[in-house]
Structures are given as C-alpha cells and as structure tokens.
Protein backbone atom coordinates (compact mmCIF):
# COMPACT_ATOMS: atom_id res chain seq x y z
CA MET A 1 -251.83 25.71 -109.50
CA GLN A 2 -251.00 27.19 -106.11
CA THR A 3 -254.66 29.07 -105.88
CA LEU A 4 -256.42 25.42 -106.63
CA LEU A 5 -254.33 23.66 -104.07
CA LEU A 6 -255.04 26.32 -101.17
CA THR A 7 -258.54 26.07 -102.12
CA ILE A 8 -258.10 22.27 -101.73
CA GLU A 9 -256.39 22.90 -98.30
CA LEU A 10 -258.95 25.16 -97.20
CA VAL A 11 -261.71 22.56 -97.80
CA ILE A 12 -260.13 19.90 -96.26
CA ALA A 13 -259.20 22.10 -93.05
CA ILE A 14 -263.20 22.95 -93.06
CA LEU A 15 -264.08 19.45 -93.41
CA LEU A 16 -261.37 18.53 -90.56
CA ILE A 17 -262.97 20.61 -88.23
CA VAL A 18 -266.60 19.43 -88.55
CA PHE A 19 -265.57 15.59 -88.58
CA ILE A 20 -263.29 15.93 -85.54
CA LEU A 21 -266.24 17.98 -83.33
CA LEU A 22 -268.71 15.28 -84.45
CA GLN A 23 -266.88 12.75 -82.66
CA ARG A 24 -267.40 11.40 -79.54
CA SER A 25 -264.88 12.46 -76.55
CA GLU A 26 -263.55 9.64 -74.17
CA GLY A 27 -265.59 10.69 -71.74
CA GLY A 28 -268.57 11.19 -73.78
CA ALA A 29 -269.52 14.56 -72.70
CA LEU A 30 -267.88 16.90 -75.43
CA GLY A 31 -268.79 15.14 -78.69
CA ILE A 32 -271.49 16.94 -80.66
CA GLY A 33 -272.27 13.58 -82.73
CA GLY A 34 -272.67 9.98 -81.77
CA GLY A 35 -275.86 9.98 -79.22
CA GLY A 36 -278.78 7.83 -79.63
CA GLY A 37 -279.58 4.32 -79.72
CA GLY A 38 -279.22 1.98 -83.04
CA GLY A 39 -279.03 3.33 -86.53
CA GLY A 40 -282.53 1.81 -87.90
CA GLY A 41 -282.23 -0.48 -90.59
CA LEU A 42 -278.95 0.80 -92.38
CA GLY A 43 -276.94 -2.13 -91.03
CA GLY A 44 -274.12 -1.01 -88.81
CA LEU A 45 -272.86 2.17 -90.24
CA PHE A 46 -275.11 4.87 -88.47
CA SER A 47 -274.89 2.57 -85.17
CA PRO A 48 -273.22 4.43 -82.13
CA ARG A 49 -270.32 1.97 -83.35
CA GLY A 50 -270.54 2.16 -86.82
CA ALA A 51 -270.79 5.92 -86.73
CA ALA A 52 -267.38 6.20 -84.49
CA ASP A 53 -265.67 3.87 -87.04
CA THR A 54 -266.85 5.71 -89.96
CA LEU A 55 -265.94 9.13 -88.49
CA THR A 56 -262.65 8.13 -87.37
CA ARG A 57 -261.90 6.41 -90.80
CA THR A 58 -262.74 9.83 -92.70
CA THR A 59 -260.77 12.20 -90.24
CA ALA A 60 -257.68 9.79 -90.88
CA TYR A 61 -258.09 10.27 -94.75
CA LEU A 62 -258.56 14.23 -94.24
CA ALA A 63 -255.75 14.56 -92.06
CA VAL A 64 -253.47 12.33 -94.77
CA GLY A 65 -255.04 14.42 -97.37
CA PHE A 66 -254.11 17.71 -95.43
CA PHE A 67 -250.32 16.48 -95.22
CA VAL A 68 -250.07 15.70 -98.80
CA VAL A 69 -251.59 19.11 -100.04
CA CYS A 70 -249.19 21.18 -97.10
CA LEU A 71 -246.12 18.99 -98.54
CA ALA A 72 -247.37 19.39 -102.14
CA LEU A 73 -247.61 23.39 -101.56
CA ASN A 74 -244.26 23.80 -99.90
CA ILE A 75 -242.66 21.62 -103.07
CA LEU A 76 -244.49 24.12 -105.42
CA VAL A 77 -243.64 27.44 -103.75
CA SER A 78 -239.64 26.23 -103.01
CA ARG A 79 -239.16 25.49 -106.87
CA THR A 80 -240.82 28.50 -107.94
CA HIS A 81 -239.28 31.00 -105.17
CA ARG A 82 -235.82 31.41 -104.80
CA PRO A 83 -235.06 33.55 -101.85
CA ALA A 84 -232.00 36.02 -102.97
CA SER A 85 -228.89 36.29 -100.82
CA ILE A 86 -226.80 39.05 -99.27
CA LEU A 87 -223.84 37.92 -100.97
CA ASP A 88 -225.27 37.71 -104.41
CA THR A 89 -226.15 41.65 -104.46
CA PRO A 90 -223.75 43.92 -106.55
CA THR A 91 -221.96 46.31 -103.89
CA ARG A 92 -221.53 49.98 -104.88
CA SER A 93 -218.38 51.56 -106.07
CA ALA A 94 -218.41 54.76 -103.69
CA PRO A 95 -219.94 54.85 -100.38
CA MET A 96 -222.83 57.14 -100.13
CA GLN A 97 -221.88 60.37 -98.51
CA LYS A 98 -224.16 61.41 -95.62
CA ALA A 99 -225.92 64.75 -95.99
CA PRO A 100 -224.82 67.25 -93.19
CA VAL A 101 -226.88 67.28 -90.23
CA LYS A 102 -227.99 70.76 -89.33
CA VAL A 103 -228.40 71.13 -85.87
CA PRO A 104 -230.71 73.81 -84.81
CA GLY A 105 -229.02 76.47 -82.48
CA GLY A 106 -230.45 77.95 -79.13
CA PRO A 107 -230.63 81.66 -78.60
CA SER A 108 -227.74 83.85 -79.49
CA ILE A 109 -225.87 85.70 -77.95
CA PRO A 110 -224.99 89.35 -78.78
CA THR A 111 -221.33 90.37 -78.93
CA PRO A 112 -220.19 93.70 -77.61
CA HIS A 113 -219.32 96.56 -79.95
C-alpha cells in the first residue's frame, strides 16, 4: 500500500511541476506556455483565457491530491511504525566493566646495579 501511495505521490509531483511551468507568470515573461492568439474552433478551452483557467484548475486539483496522499501516507506510517521509547528497554543487571586500557610506555630507563 505504501509503494502504491508513493508512486501516486511521485506522479502527482511530476504533473504539478509540469502544470506549474506551463502557466503564464504575472508579468508574462517566464511562463513556458500560454502564448499565441486564439484557439481555433475549439471554443474557449484553448484560448489564452480558457487555457489559463484549465491549467489553474488542474493545478489546484493536483495540489489537493498531493496533500491528501501526503496525509494518507503519514497516517499509514504512523499506524504501522511505533517508535520505541528508551524507557521501555530493559535495564542491565550488572554494569559492564571496562577493559583496562594499556598505555604505551615511553623509553625505558636503565636502573643501576
């Protein structure tokens, strides 16, 4: 189930990027799409105004879908994964003893006989 939701999330994210890049910016200088004159005989769907409305509406639907899938993933993960508390771990009966540390000695000094 998580794999399916993650795949849907990825597809929605890619589509969001595409639809956002297709929209005209406020200044009209940065948008990839939306240029040109009338849309031919297709009514108002692909006229500049109709295309903007369609892209805006599609972007809004994709954004809502993105958030819904994010919430579903979070709810699914929170129900399947229970974080372990440090207080729930059993304590040790005896403390571990540290191994003696051997310090390397310097040069040995000869003792007189």
